[in-house]
């Protein structure tokens, strides 16, 4: 074999190039079959603009809380609400000097995995409702005299205790139960803002079309409030406007006009903006799912009880989201995480299955597939749409991580895996401060602000694999050139060749910064322009392997744009193996 150098013939030299990564991450074909702009794997990076760029690690906020179980996280404007060990912690991020404060009036179950929260506005239908006929609840009700309203609040549920209402940081109380709901003849004795308030115990909640919906503690019923009165679940009233006698079944008053969709417990109830009703008013429906089925439920105003709509349902498909956090909108569709993977509404409905072979899921399904092609069973999952990315906290073949789908590219681009995050992510939320969105997430034992650390995550890329034009040529890697642009930090760059699928020797180079953070407004066209912004790093391979394919595994732990990877190889006529020789000999003997 000739030494590699300038005197080698051009026909014996192979130059390969990856200089556009906008095609995203793809795993449904072998790496040699990837397109020029695709790559096999990216960890902790983004490729939206055609280059590879690392991300910042999440900032760990766990030390700001006592040790215990994180039970929920919710963003309301600039305020972050955190439930932990049955307590409520809140921080207003509009002030940089703020800290998490605990509400000493708030106490819910310390052992439940989730505490659900739903903000509701103050009531606007503050008029007494009176049945026109005690024997016919289908007739309209009369709206008679003014009555007290219910306040704006954050409704909190643990499925065991009476819900709590939070009005502001440090101001909360128990919600009223059915015994506190005041009949009309008692209002001269006790008339206050909460006189017609009753909120049943439940789990997931949704405020939709002026009604608060609550899933019952066993997950099998959907309670609903009076329209325009989200904290008033007394729908059935008599001709005096009073509540009816208690149900003899022992169920709560909210069960009197509840709605059921399936035998299996409800896992998710959400407004996803899909018009599906078939009544004359064309009311939009909302989503309800269990592990086994999904539906659109819509209010039916053609048949009312106590002047409130009844409900109908439209089956969607025979699968459903794993939990309340496993459904998120994306580009006019909805991404759903179910027990055996992820898909979208449109994919499932089109293919009439769980969508594993649909376009959305097809390119990366092997990342969620275990031994023998059996999908990994998802257990703790969460999702959110943020900054034009869909983030899906799932179990992958690399462990728990966040699958990143770029809605601008319509491609999966990365898996985020953070070594300091222990266990699966159970919930995401966002707040918005001074026009900027800030993303947070929790596990059972930790809380983080995403991308907020000063430390850059280790970004790992495995390129497509290249091969010679014919099967008779073996490739021998000699040099790998990496081109970086706009290096904002110092760090290390490592390159490992994979030849014929075998890992080669890893090499590392230290990289220094070549730009300062830009000053806004920029000097035309791209800044001051007094420093070189492009840097080439070359890795020479002294003891090469040889094989039919070459792929490159690269890692970097600093902020910069990776714009090119160029492996250069030497070609050698591949020797015939003993097995091949035996086959050829046998074929010739037959002839």
Protein backbone atom coordinates (compact mmCIF):
# COMPACT_ATOMS: atom_id res chain seq x y z
CA UNK A 1 0.00 0.00 0.00
CA UNK A 2 1.34 3.40 -0.95
CA UNK A 3 1.91 6.01 1.75
CA UNK A 4 -0.70 8.71 1.80
CA UNK A 5 0.55 12.05 0.56
CA UNK A 6 0.72 14.47 -2.34
CA UNK A 7 2.27 11.86 -4.62
CA UNK A 8 -0.73 9.54 -4.39
CA UNK A 9 -2.87 9.31 -7.50
CA UNK A 10 -6.19 11.11 -7.31
CA UNK A 11 -8.06 7.91 -8.10
CA UNK A 12 -6.68 6.33 -4.95
CA UNK A 13 -7.82 9.18 -2.72
CA UNK A 14 -11.35 9.52 -1.38
CA UNK A 15 -12.64 12.80 0.02
CA UNK A 16 -16.00 12.87 1.74
CA UNK A 17 -17.80 15.93 3.06
CA UNK A 18 -20.63 16.75 5.45
CA UNK A 19 -21.30 20.49 5.31
CA UNK A 20 -25.07 20.81 5.73
CA UNK A 21 -26.94 19.15 8.61
CA UNK A 22 -30.42 20.55 7.99
CA UNK A 23 -31.81 17.14 7.03
CA UNK A 24 -32.06 16.15 10.67
CA UNK A 25 -31.61 12.89 12.55
CA UNK A 26 -32.66 9.66 10.88
CA UNK A 27 -32.49 6.09 12.20
CA UNK A 28 -34.76 3.99 9.99
CA UNK A 29 -31.98 3.12 7.53
CA UNK A 30 -28.35 2.10 7.91
CA UNK A 31 -25.99 5.10 8.09
CA UNK A 32 -24.65 4.53 4.56
CA UNK A 33 -28.14 5.14 3.17
CA UNK A 34 -28.61 8.55 4.78
CA UNK A 35 -28.98 11.63 2.63
CA UNK A 36 -26.17 14.16 2.29
CA UNK A 37 -27.79 16.50 4.84
CA UNK A 38 -28.83 13.82 7.35
CA UNK A 39 -26.99 12.33 10.29
CA UNK A 40 -27.44 9.20 12.41
CA UNK A 41 -27.35 10.72 15.91
CA UNK A 42 -27.10 14.08 17.66
CA UNK A 43 -27.01 14.47 21.43
CA UNK A 44 -27.42 17.91 23.06
CA UNK A 45 -27.26 19.92 19.85
CA UNK A 46 -29.38 21.72 17.29
CA UNK A 47 -29.19 21.88 13.48
CA UNK A 48 -31.92 24.38 12.53
CA UNK A 49 -29.62 26.57 10.42
CA UNK A 50 -27.65 23.83 8.70
CA UNK A 51 -24.80 23.78 11.20
CA UNK A 52 -24.46 21.79 14.43
CA UNK A 53 -24.50 23.90 17.59
CA UNK A 54 -24.32 22.66 21.20
CA UNK A 55 -26.83 23.75 23.83
CA UNK A 56 -26.42 24.96 27.38
CA UNK A 57 -27.04 22.54 30.23
CA UNK A 58 -30.09 23.05 32.45
CA UNK A 59 -29.65 25.01 35.66
CA UNK A 60 -30.28 22.92 38.76
CA UNK A 61 -32.65 24.68 41.18
CA UNK A 62 -33.15 21.72 43.53
CA UNK A 63 -31.06 23.18 46.35
CA UNK A 64 -33.60 26.01 46.72
CA UNK A 65 -36.16 23.50 48.07
CA UNK A 66 -36.28 21.10 51.01
CA UNK A 67 -35.68 17.42 50.24
CA UNK A 68 -38.80 15.58 49.08
CA UNK A 69 -41.11 14.67 46.21
CA UNK A 70 -41.79 17.18 43.45
CA UNK A 71 -45.49 16.86 42.61
CA UNK A 72 -46.14 19.49 39.96
CA UNK A 73 -44.90 22.62 38.22
CA UNK A 74 -47.00 25.34 36.55
CA UNK A 75 -46.25 28.68 34.95
CA UNK A 76 -48.69 31.59 35.25
CA UNK A 77 -47.46 34.75 33.53
CA UNK A 78 -44.14 35.52 35.27
CA UNK A 79 -44.84 33.30 38.30
CA UNK A 80 -43.56 29.75 38.67
CA UNK A 81 -45.68 27.50 40.92
CA UNK A 82 -44.06 24.35 42.32
CA UNK A 83 -45.76 21.65 44.39
CA UNK A 84 -43.49 19.65 46.65
CA UNK A 85 -44.37 17.40 49.59
CA UNK A 86 -47.91 18.77 49.63
CA UNK A 87 -46.69 22.37 49.84
CA UNK A 88 -46.92 25.21 47.35
CA UNK A 89 -43.82 27.23 46.46
CA UNK A 90 -44.00 30.31 44.21
CA UNK A 91 -41.50 32.68 42.67
CA UNK A 92 -42.17 35.78 40.57
CA UNK A 93 -39.40 35.95 37.97
CA UNK A 94 -40.27 39.51 36.99
CA UNK A 95 -37.82 40.51 39.73
CA UNK A 96 -34.27 39.22 39.56
CA UNK A 97 -34.08 39.47 43.37
CA UNK A 98 -37.05 37.21 44.03
CA UNK A 99 -36.84 33.75 45.62
CA UNK A 100 -39.18 30.81 46.11
CA UNK A 101 -41.66 31.45 48.92
CA UNK A 102 -43.74 28.75 50.59
CA UNK A 103 -47.46 29.24 51.25
CA UNK A 104 -47.89 28.22 54.89
CA UNK A 105 -51.69 28.09 54.47
CA UNK A 106 -51.41 25.45 51.75
CA UNK A 107 -51.22 21.72 52.55
CA UNK A 108 -52.24 18.80 50.36
CA UNK A 109 -51.33 15.10 50.27
CA UNK A 110 -47.58 14.59 50.61
CA UNK A 111 -47.46 11.19 48.89
CA UNK A 112 -49.42 11.58 45.64
CA UNK A 113 -47.28 11.67 42.53
CA UNK A 114 -49.13 14.64 41.02
CA UNK A 115 -50.93 17.71 42.25
CA UNK A 116 -52.94 19.22 39.41
CA UNK A 117 -53.60 22.94 39.05
CA UNK A 118 -55.89 24.96 36.78
CA UNK A 119 -56.33 28.76 36.75
CA UNK A 120 -59.92 29.96 36.36
CA UNK A 121 -61.34 33.49 36.01
CA UNK A 122 -63.94 35.06 38.24
CA UNK A 123 -67.52 34.10 37.50
CA UNK A 124 -69.57 36.29 35.19
CA UNK A 125 -72.98 34.58 35.45
CA UNK A 126 -73.82 36.01 38.87
CA UNK A 127 -77.57 35.59 38.75
CA UNK A 128 -79.63 33.05 40.66
CA UNK A 129 -80.75 30.06 38.57
CA UNK A 130 -84.28 28.69 39.18
CA UNK A 131 -85.82 25.59 37.60
CA UNK A 132 -89.09 26.30 35.76
CA UNK A 133 -90.41 22.77 36.35
CA UNK A 134 -89.27 20.46 39.14
CA UNK A 135 -90.52 17.47 37.15
CA UNK A 136 -88.83 18.27 33.86
CA UNK A 137 -85.14 19.11 34.01
CA UNK A 138 -85.01 19.56 30.24
CA UNK A 139 -86.87 22.85 30.43
CA UNK A 140 -84.92 26.13 30.56
CA UNK A 141 -84.04 27.71 33.88
CA UNK A 142 -84.94 31.22 34.91
CA UNK A 143 -82.22 33.73 35.72
CA UNK A 144 -83.75 35.74 38.54
CA UNK A 145 -82.06 37.84 41.21
CA UNK A 146 -78.37 38.75 41.45
CA UNK A 147 -76.21 36.45 43.55
CA UNK A 148 -72.65 36.51 44.78
CA UNK A 149 -69.88 35.63 42.31
CA UNK A 150 -66.91 33.34 42.67
CA UNK A 151 -63.36 34.71 42.60
CA UNK A 152 -60.47 34.26 40.21
CA UNK A 153 -58.30 31.46 41.56
CA UNK A 154 -55.85 28.65 40.92
CA UNK A 155 -57.70 25.40 41.64
CA UNK A 156 -55.43 22.66 43.06
CA UNK A 157 -56.32 18.96 43.25
CA UNK A 158 -54.64 15.85 44.63
CA UNK A 159 -57.53 13.41 44.11
CA UNK A 160 -57.84 12.73 47.85
CA UNK A 161 -58.44 15.93 49.77
CA UNK A 162 -60.77 18.84 49.20
CA UNK A 163 -59.30 21.11 46.53
CA UNK A 164 -57.55 24.27 47.55
CA UNK A 165 -57.91 27.69 45.95
CA UNK A 166 -54.88 29.95 45.57
CA UNK A 167 -55.56 33.65 45.05
CA UNK A 168 -52.04 35.04 45.25
CA UNK A 169 -48.72 34.06 46.74
CA UNK A 170 -49.41 33.36 50.41
CA UNK A 171 -53.17 33.63 50.05
CA UNK A 172 -55.10 30.36 49.76
CA UNK A 173 -57.89 28.37 51.38
CA UNK A 174 -59.93 25.20 51.05
CA UNK A 175 -62.59 25.23 48.36
CA UNK A 176 -66.16 24.99 49.64
CA UNK A 177 -67.86 21.59 49.55
CA UNK A 178 -71.52 20.81 48.88
CA UNK A 179 -72.48 21.42 52.53
CA UNK A 180 -71.20 25.00 52.24
CA UNK A 181 -73.27 25.79 49.14
CA UNK A 182 -75.96 28.15 50.51
CA UNK A 183 -79.61 27.77 49.54
CA UNK A 184 -81.67 30.88 48.75
CA UNK A 185 -83.60 30.83 52.03
CA UNK A 186 -80.32 30.89 53.96
CA UNK A 187 -78.72 33.79 52.14
CA UNK A 188 -80.08 36.40 54.58
CA UNK A 189 -78.10 34.53 57.27
CA UNK A 190 -74.85 33.98 55.35
CA UNK A 191 -74.27 35.97 52.20
CA UNK A 192 -70.69 36.38 51.04
CA UNK A 193 -68.59 36.01 47.95
CA UNK A 194 -68.40 32.23 48.36
CA UNK A 195 -72.07 31.55 49.14
CA UNK A 196 -72.63 29.52 45.96
CA UNK A 197 -69.29 27.80 45.67
CA UNK A 198 -68.76 24.04 45.50
CA UNK A 199 -65.75 22.32 43.90
CA UNK A 200 -65.61 18.50 44.02
CA UNK A 201 -62.49 16.44 44.71
CA UNK A 202 -60.80 15.32 41.51
CA UNK A 203 -57.68 14.98 39.40
CA UNK A 204 -56.95 16.51 35.97
CA UNK A 205 -58.73 19.74 35.11
CA UNK A 206 -59.49 21.87 32.07
CA UNK A 207 -61.16 25.29 31.80
CA UNK A 208 -62.92 25.31 28.46
CA UNK A 209 -65.71 27.40 26.95
CA UNK A 210 -66.61 29.02 30.33
CA UNK A 211 -66.84 25.65 32.11
CA UNK A 212 -64.38 24.02 34.52
CA UNK A 213 -64.08 20.28 33.89
CA UNK A 214 -62.64 17.97 36.55
CA UNK A 215 -61.83 14.26 36.22
CA UNK A 216 -63.21 12.27 39.16
CA UNK A 217 -60.81 10.66 41.68
CA UNK A 218 -61.25 7.23 40.08
CA UNK A 219 -60.65 8.69 36.61
CA UNK A 220 -63.96 7.46 35.17
CA UNK A 221 -66.22 10.52 35.28
CA UNK A 222 -65.97 14.07 34.00
CA UNK A 223 -67.49 16.65 36.33
CA UNK A 224 -68.49 20.05 34.99
CA UNK A 225 -69.34 23.42 36.52
CA UNK A 226 -72.19 25.78 35.72
CA UNK A 227 -71.42 27.79 32.58
CA UNK A 228 -69.88 31.10 33.60
CA UNK A 229 -69.37 29.93 37.20
CA UNK A 230 -66.19 27.78 37.28
CA UNK A 231 -66.30 27.26 41.07
CA UNK A 232 -69.97 26.24 41.19
CA UNK A 233 -70.71 22.57 40.45
CA UNK A 234 -74.36 22.62 41.58
CA UNK A 235 -76.11 22.34 38.23
CA UNK A 236 -79.34 20.66 39.30
CA UNK A 237 -81.62 23.10 41.17
CA UNK A 238 -85.30 23.24 42.12
CA UNK A 239 -87.92 25.91 41.50
CA UNK A 240 -86.54 27.94 44.41
CA UNK A 241 -83.00 27.83 43.08
CA UNK A 242 -81.89 25.46 45.83
CA UNK A 243 -79.72 22.35 45.52
CA UNK A 244 -81.53 19.03 45.38
CA UNK A 245 -81.53 16.38 48.09
CA UNK A 246 -78.23 14.47 48.29
CA UNK A 247 -77.71 11.46 46.05
CA UNK A 248 -78.51 8.20 47.81
CA UNK A 249 -75.62 6.45 46.06
CA UNK A 250 -73.14 8.27 48.26
CA UNK A 251 -71.57 9.92 45.23
CA UNK A 252 -70.73 13.61 45.16
CA UNK A 253 -73.22 16.18 43.87
CA UNK A 254 -70.98 16.68 40.82
CA UNK A 255 -71.75 13.10 39.74
CA UNK A 256 -75.41 13.96 39.22
CA UNK A 257 -74.71 15.39 35.74
CA UNK A 258 -71.23 14.00 35.10
CA UNK A 259 -70.22 12.41 31.79
CA UNK A 260 -68.40 9.12 31.21
CA UNK A 261 -66.50 8.04 28.11
CA UNK A 262 -65.00 4.63 28.88
CA UNK A 263 -64.51 1.89 31.43
CA UNK A 264 -60.78 2.68 31.62
CA UNK A 265 -59.56 5.64 33.70
CA UNK A 266 -59.06 8.94 31.91
CA UNK A 267 -55.40 9.83 31.47
CA UNK A 268 -55.74 13.19 29.73
CA UNK A 269 -58.33 15.92 29.17
CA UNK A 270 -57.33 18.96 27.08
CA UNK A 271 -58.59 21.66 24.76
CA UNK A 272 -56.78 21.05 21.48
CA UNK A 273 -58.85 23.37 19.29
CA UNK A 274 -60.52 20.79 17.05
CA UNK A 275 -64.07 21.64 15.91
CA UNK A 276 -65.98 18.37 16.01
CA UNK A 277 -69.50 19.08 17.30
CA UNK A 278 -72.47 18.22 15.12
CA UNK A 279 -75.05 20.54 16.65
CA UNK A 280 -76.36 23.64 14.95
CA UNK A 281 -73.94 25.90 16.81
CA UNK A 282 -70.94 23.85 15.69
CA UNK A 283 -69.35 23.98 19.13
CA UNK A 284 -65.72 22.87 19.17
CA UNK A 285 -64.92 19.73 21.11
CA UNK A 286 -62.17 18.83 23.53
CA UNK A 287 -59.90 15.83 23.81
CA UNK A 288 -60.36 13.00 26.31
CA UNK A 289 -58.05 9.98 26.35
CA UNK A 290 -57.40 6.80 28.29
CA UNK A 291 -54.53 4.37 27.76
CA UNK A 292 -56.65 2.36 25.33
CA UNK A 293 -58.83 4.92 23.51
CA UNK A 294 -59.14 8.57 22.54
CA UNK A 295 -62.20 10.70 21.77
CA UNK A 296 -63.37 14.17 20.96
CA UNK A 297 -66.10 15.10 23.46
CA UNK A 298 -68.37 17.95 22.46
CA UNK A 299 -71.15 19.83 24.28
CA UNK A 300 -74.56 19.22 22.79
CA UNK A 301 -76.81 22.29 23.11
CA UNK A 302 -79.64 20.62 21.24
CA UNK A 303 -80.37 18.63 24.40
CA UNK A 304 -79.85 20.47 27.69
CA UNK A 305 -80.43 19.58 31.33
CA UNK A 306 -81.02 22.47 33.71
CA UNK A 307 -80.10 24.73 30.78
CA UNK A 308 -76.63 23.19 30.56
CA UNK A 309 -75.44 21.17 27.55
CA UNK A 310 -75.29 17.41 27.51
CA UNK A 311 -72.40 15.69 25.74
CA UNK A 312 -71.58 13.42 22.86
CA UNK A 313 -68.33 11.82 21.78
CA UNK A 314 -66.54 10.94 18.56
CA UNK A 315 -64.02 8.05 18.67
CA UNK A 316 -60.58 8.97 17.40
CA UNK A 317 -58.35 5.89 17.65
CA UNK A 318 -57.69 2.86 19.88
CA UNK A 319 -54.80 4.30 21.84
CA UNK A 320 -54.28 7.27 24.12
CA UNK A 321 -51.72 9.43 25.94
CA UNK A 322 -49.90 8.04 28.92
CA UNK A 323 -50.81 10.98 31.14
CA UNK A 324 -51.94 14.62 31.18
CA UNK A 325 -48.47 15.77 30.08
CA UNK A 326 -48.19 13.45 27.06
CA UNK A 327 -50.14 15.51 24.52
CA UNK A 328 -48.88 18.71 22.93
CA UNK A 329 -49.80 20.70 19.77
CA UNK A 330 -47.47 20.90 16.78
CA UNK A 331 -48.04 22.56 13.40
CA UNK A 332 -51.80 22.15 13.39
CA UNK A 333 -51.49 18.57 14.59
CA UNK A 334 -51.09 17.04 18.05
CA UNK A 335 -48.19 14.90 19.21
CA UNK A 336 -49.15 12.07 21.53
CA UNK A 337 -46.94 9.84 23.68
CA UNK A 338 -48.53 6.46 24.28
CA UNK A 339 -47.29 3.30 25.94
CA UNK A 340 -45.36 2.04 22.93
CA UNK A 341 -43.99 5.26 21.45
CA UNK A 342 -45.02 8.57 19.92
CA UNK A 343 -47.17 9.64 17.03
CA UNK A 344 -49.56 12.36 15.90
CA UNK A 345 -53.34 12.48 15.60
CA UNK A 346 -53.22 12.70 11.82
CA UNK A 347 -50.82 9.78 11.51
CA UNK A 348 -52.88 7.51 13.74
CA UNK A 349 -56.16 8.41 12.09
CA UNK A 350 -54.73 7.99 8.57
CA UNK A 351 -53.10 4.62 9.20
CA UNK A 352 -55.64 3.31 11.71
CA UNK A 353 -52.90 2.15 14.07
CA UNK A 354 -50.53 3.67 16.60
CA UNK A 355 -48.61 5.44 13.87
CA UNK A 356 -45.24 3.71 14.30
CA UNK A 357 -44.70 3.63 10.53
CA UNK A 358 -46.15 7.06 9.86
CA UNK A 359 -43.95 9.87 8.49
CA UNK A 360 -43.71 11.67 11.84
CA UNK A 361 -42.40 8.66 13.74
CA UNK A 362 -40.85 6.54 11.00
CA UNK A 363 -37.45 8.21 10.80
CA UNK A 364 -36.54 7.77 14.49
CA UNK A 365 -38.63 4.84 15.76
CA UNK A 366 -35.54 2.66 16.33
CA UNK A 367 -34.46 5.06 19.09
CA UNK A 368 -37.53 3.89 21.02
CA UNK A 369 -37.23 0.23 20.04
CA UNK A 370 -35.73 -2.47 22.24
CA UNK A 371 -34.50 -5.99 21.51
CA UNK A 372 -36.16 -7.99 18.74
CA UNK A 373 -37.94 -4.94 17.40
CA UNK A 374 -40.20 -4.65 20.45
CA UNK A 375 -41.00 -1.03 21.38
CA UNK A 376 -39.75 0.18 24.74
CA UNK A 377 -42.68 0.50 27.12
CA UNK A 378 -42.98 4.12 28.13
CA UNK A 379 -43.70 4.76 31.81
CA UNK A 380 -42.97 8.37 32.85
CA UNK A 381 -43.35 10.85 29.99
CA UNK A 382 -43.91 14.56 29.43
CA UNK A 383 -44.12 16.96 26.49
CA UNK A 384 -44.26 20.64 25.63
CA UNK A 385 -43.95 22.91 22.58
CA UNK A 386 -41.39 25.66 23.12
CA UNK A 387 -39.45 27.98 20.80
CA UNK A 388 -40.77 26.12 17.73
CA UNK A 389 -39.49 22.82 19.08
CA UNK A 390 -41.54 19.93 20.41
CA UNK A 391 -39.81 18.44 23.47
CA UNK A 392 -40.75 14.85 24.32
CA UNK A 393 -39.47 13.41 27.58
CA UNK A 394 -39.34 9.67 26.88
CA UNK A 395 -37.42 6.46 27.48
CA UNK A 396 -34.92 5.81 24.64
CA UNK A 397 -32.32 3.14 23.91
CA UNK A 398 -29.81 5.54 25.50
CA UNK A 399 -31.87 5.95 28.68
CA UNK A 400 -34.34 8.67 29.65
CA UNK A 401 -33.95 11.81 27.57
CA UNK A 402 -35.74 14.49 25.58
CA UNK A 403 -36.47 13.89 21.90
CA UNK A 404 -36.34 17.19 20.02
CA UNK A 405 -38.59 17.80 17.01
CA UNK A 406 -37.93 21.00 15.06
CA UNK A 407 -41.27 22.34 13.80
CA UNK A 408 -39.52 24.75 11.42
CA UNK A 409 -37.61 21.93 9.74
CA UNK A 410 -40.35 19.35 10.34
CA UNK A 411 -37.61 16.96 11.48
CA UNK A 412 -36.38 15.25 14.61
CA UNK A 413 -32.98 16.79 15.24
CA UNK A 414 -31.58 15.63 18.58
CA UNK A 415 -31.87 13.79 21.87
CA UNK A 416 -31.05 15.86 24.95
CA UNK A 417 -29.46 13.77 27.71
CA UNK A 418 -28.20 15.56 30.80
CA UNK A 419 -25.95 13.54 33.15
CA UNK A 420 -26.99 15.58 36.20
CA UNK A 421 -30.71 14.84 35.70
CA UNK A 422 -31.62 11.72 37.66
CA UNK A 423 -34.70 9.83 36.52
CA UNK A 424 -37.35 10.66 33.92
CA UNK A 425 -38.88 14.08 33.40
CA UNK A 426 -42.48 14.15 34.64
CA UNK A 427 -43.57 17.68 33.68
CA UNK A 428 -42.52 20.78 31.72
CA UNK A 429 -43.85 24.32 32.01
CA UNK A 430 -43.05 27.81 30.72
CA UNK A 431 -43.24 31.35 32.00
CA UNK A 432 -42.77 34.53 30.01
CA UNK A 433 -40.58 37.31 31.38
CA UNK A 434 -39.92 40.56 29.46
CA UNK A 435 -40.90 38.88 26.19
CA UNK A 436 -38.63 35.88 26.73
CA UNK A 437 -39.94 32.38 27.38
CA UNK A 438 -38.24 30.40 30.14
CA UNK A 439 -38.63 26.65 30.29
CA UNK A 440 -38.62 24.54 33.48
CA UNK A 441 -39.01 20.84 34.22
CA UNK A 442 -39.13 18.46 37.18
CA UNK A 443 -38.32 14.87 37.98
CA UNK A 444 -39.46 13.19 41.19
CA UNK A 445 -36.48 14.63 43.07
CA UNK A 446 -35.12 17.55 41.00
CA UNK A 447 -36.13 20.80 39.36
CA UNK A 448 -34.30 22.57 36.53
CA UNK A 449 -34.51 25.61 34.29
CA UNK A 450 -33.70 24.38 30.79
CA UNK A 451 -30.74 25.86 28.86
CA UNK A 452 -30.00 28.28 31.72
CA UNK A 453 -26.66 26.99 33.02
CA UNK A 454 -23.42 28.80 32.28
CA UNK A 455 -21.94 25.41 31.35
CA UNK A 456 -22.25 24.03 27.84
CA UNK A 457 -23.52 20.49 27.39
CA UNK A 458 -21.32 17.92 25.71
CA UNK A 459 -22.65 17.71 22.16
CA UNK A 460 -22.15 14.41 20.32
CA UNK A 461 -22.66 13.82 16.61
CA UNK A 462 -22.43 10.65 14.56
CA UNK A 463 -22.39 11.50 10.86
CA UNK A 464 -23.70 9.48 8.00
CA UNK A 465 -21.33 6.73 6.83
CA UNK A 466 -19.51 6.88 3.51
CA UNK A 467 -18.41 4.02 1.27
CA UNK A 468 -16.49 3.62 -1.97
CA UNK A 469 -18.36 3.32 -5.24
CA UNK A 470 -17.66 -0.40 -5.57
CA UNK A 471 -17.46 -3.34 -3.19
CA UNK A 472 -13.92 -4.20 -4.25
CA UNK A 473 -12.40 -1.14 -2.52
CA UNK A 474 -11.56 -0.92 1.16
CA UNK A 475 -11.27 2.53 2.71
CA UNK A 476 -8.35 3.54 4.92
CA UNK A 477 -8.96 6.83 6.79
CA UNK A 478 -5.91 9.11 6.86
CA UNK A 479 -7.13 12.54 7.89
CA UNK A 480 -10.22 14.19 9.33
CA UNK A 481 -10.68 17.93 8.99
CA UNK A 482 -13.24 19.76 11.14
CA UNK A 483 -14.28 23.35 10.40
CA UNK A 484 -15.70 25.53 13.19
CA UNK A 485 -17.10 29.05 13.05
CA UNK A 486 -17.84 31.69 15.70
CA UNK A 487 -16.21 29.90 18.64
CA UNK A 488 -17.51 31.66 21.75
CA UNK A 489 -15.85 29.47 24.39
CA UNK A 490 -12.76 27.37 24.93
CA UNK A 491 -13.18 23.62 25.16
CA UNK A 492 -12.22 20.25 23.78
CA UNK A 493 -13.01 18.71 20.41
CA UNK A 494 -12.75 14.94 20.01
CA UNK A 495 -12.99 12.85 16.86
CA UNK A 496 -13.36 9.07 16.60
CA UNK A 497 -13.44 7.30 13.24
CA UNK A 498 -15.63 4.22 12.79
CA UNK A 499 -14.31 2.00 10.02
CA UNK A 500 -16.47 -0.88 8.90
CA UNK A 501 -18.49 -0.33 12.09
CA UNK A 502 -15.44 -0.70 14.36
CA UNK A 503 -14.48 2.13 16.72
CA UNK A 504 -11.08 3.62 15.98
CA UNK A 505 -8.71 5.69 18.11
CA UNK A 506 -10.14 8.82 19.69
CA UNK A 507 -8.16 12.05 19.33
CA UNK A 508 -8.71 15.29 21.22
CA UNK A 509 -7.70 18.88 20.52
CA UNK A 510 -8.16 21.93 22.73
CA UNK A 511 -10.00 24.76 21.02
CA UNK A 512 -9.75 28.43 21.97
CA UNK A 513 -12.24 31.21 21.38
CA UNK A 514 -12.10 33.27 18.19
CA UNK A 515 -14.94 35.77 18.74
CA UNK A 516 -16.24 37.88 21.58
CA UNK A 517 -19.97 37.99 22.32
CA UNK A 518 -21.57 40.26 19.69
CA UNK A 519 -22.54 43.80 20.60
CA UNK A 520 -25.97 44.91 19.43
CA UNK A 521 -26.45 46.75 17.09
CA UNK A 522 -23.95 44.96 14.85
CA UNK A 523 -21.50 46.66 12.55
CA UNK A 524 -22.55 45.82 9.01
CA UNK A 525 -22.61 43.14 7.80
CA UNK A 526 -21.81 40.67 10.61
CA UNK A 527 -19.99 42.64 13.28
CA UNK A 528 -16.63 44.34 13.71
CA UNK A 529 -14.83 41.84 11.46
CA UNK A 530 -11.38 42.32 12.99
CA UNK A 531 -10.85 38.67 13.93
CA UNK A 532 -10.83 35.40 12.03
CA UNK A 533 -14.12 33.62 12.74
CA UNK A 534 -13.39 30.31 10.98
CA UNK A 535 -11.08 27.70 12.47
CA UNK A 536 -9.94 24.39 10.96
CA UNK A 537 -8.82 21.45 13.08
CA UNK A 538 -7.10 18.53 11.42
CA UNK A 539 -6.76 15.05 12.95
CA UNK A 540 -4.16 12.80 11.34
CA UNK A 541 -4.66 9.05 11.67
CA UNK A 542 -1.28 7.37 12.04
CA UNK A 543 -2.43 3.79 12.60
CA UNK A 544 -5.55 3.41 10.49
CA UNK A 545 -8.03 0.60 10.17
CA UNK A 546 -9.57 -0.35 6.88
CA UNK A 547 -13.09 -1.33 5.93
CA UNK A 548 -15.98 -0.82 3.56
CA UNK A 549 -17.42 2.23 5.36
CA UNK A 550 -16.25 5.30 7.28
CA UNK A 551 -18.29 7.26 9.83
CA UNK A 552 -17.21 9.99 12.24
CA UNK A 553 -18.21 10.37 15.88
CA UNK A 554 -17.49 13.91 17.11
CA UNK A 555 -17.96 15.59 20.50
CA UNK A 556 -17.56 19.21 21.55
CA UNK A 557 -18.25 20.98 24.84
CA UNK A 558 -18.17 24.65 23.82
CA UNK A 559 -20.48 27.00 21.94
CA UNK A 560 -19.57 27.21 18.26
CA UNK A 561 -21.01 26.34 14.88
CA UNK A 562 -19.78 23.08 13.41
CA UNK A 563 -19.97 23.75 9.69
CA UNK A 564 -17.94 20.97 8.04
CA UNK A 565 -16.51 17.51 8.60
CA UNK A 566 -14.22 16.18 5.87
CA UNK A 567 -12.76 12.68 6.19
CA UNK A 568 -10.05 11.84 3.66
CA UNK A 569 -9.30 8.20 2.95
CA UNK A 570 -7.06 6.05 0.81
CA UNK A 571 -8.51 3.28 -1.31
CA UNK A 572 -7.12 -0.22 -1.48
CA UNK A 573 -8.34 -3.20 -3.47
CA UNK A 574 -10.06 -5.38 -0.93
CA UNK A 575 -8.61 -8.85 -0.49
CA UNK A 576 -10.95 -11.81 -0.96
CA UNK A 577 -11.82 -13.45 2.34
CA UNK A 578 -11.65 -17.20 2.91
CA UNK A 579 -15.44 -17.41 2.91
CA UNK A 580 -15.66 -15.50 -0.36
CA UNK A 581 -12.93 -17.63 -1.89
CA UNK A 582 -14.80 -20.79 -0.96
CA UNK A 583 -18.00 -19.49 -2.47
CA UNK A 584 -16.28 -18.41 -5.69
CA UNK A 585 -14.51 -21.77 -5.97
CA UNK A 586 -17.80 -23.63 -5.51
CA UNK A 587 -19.54 -21.49 -8.14
CA UNK A 588 -16.74 -22.02 -10.66
CA UNK A 589 -16.75 -25.77 -9.99
CA UNK A 590 -20.49 -25.88 -10.72
CA UNK A 591 -19.99 -24.04 -13.98
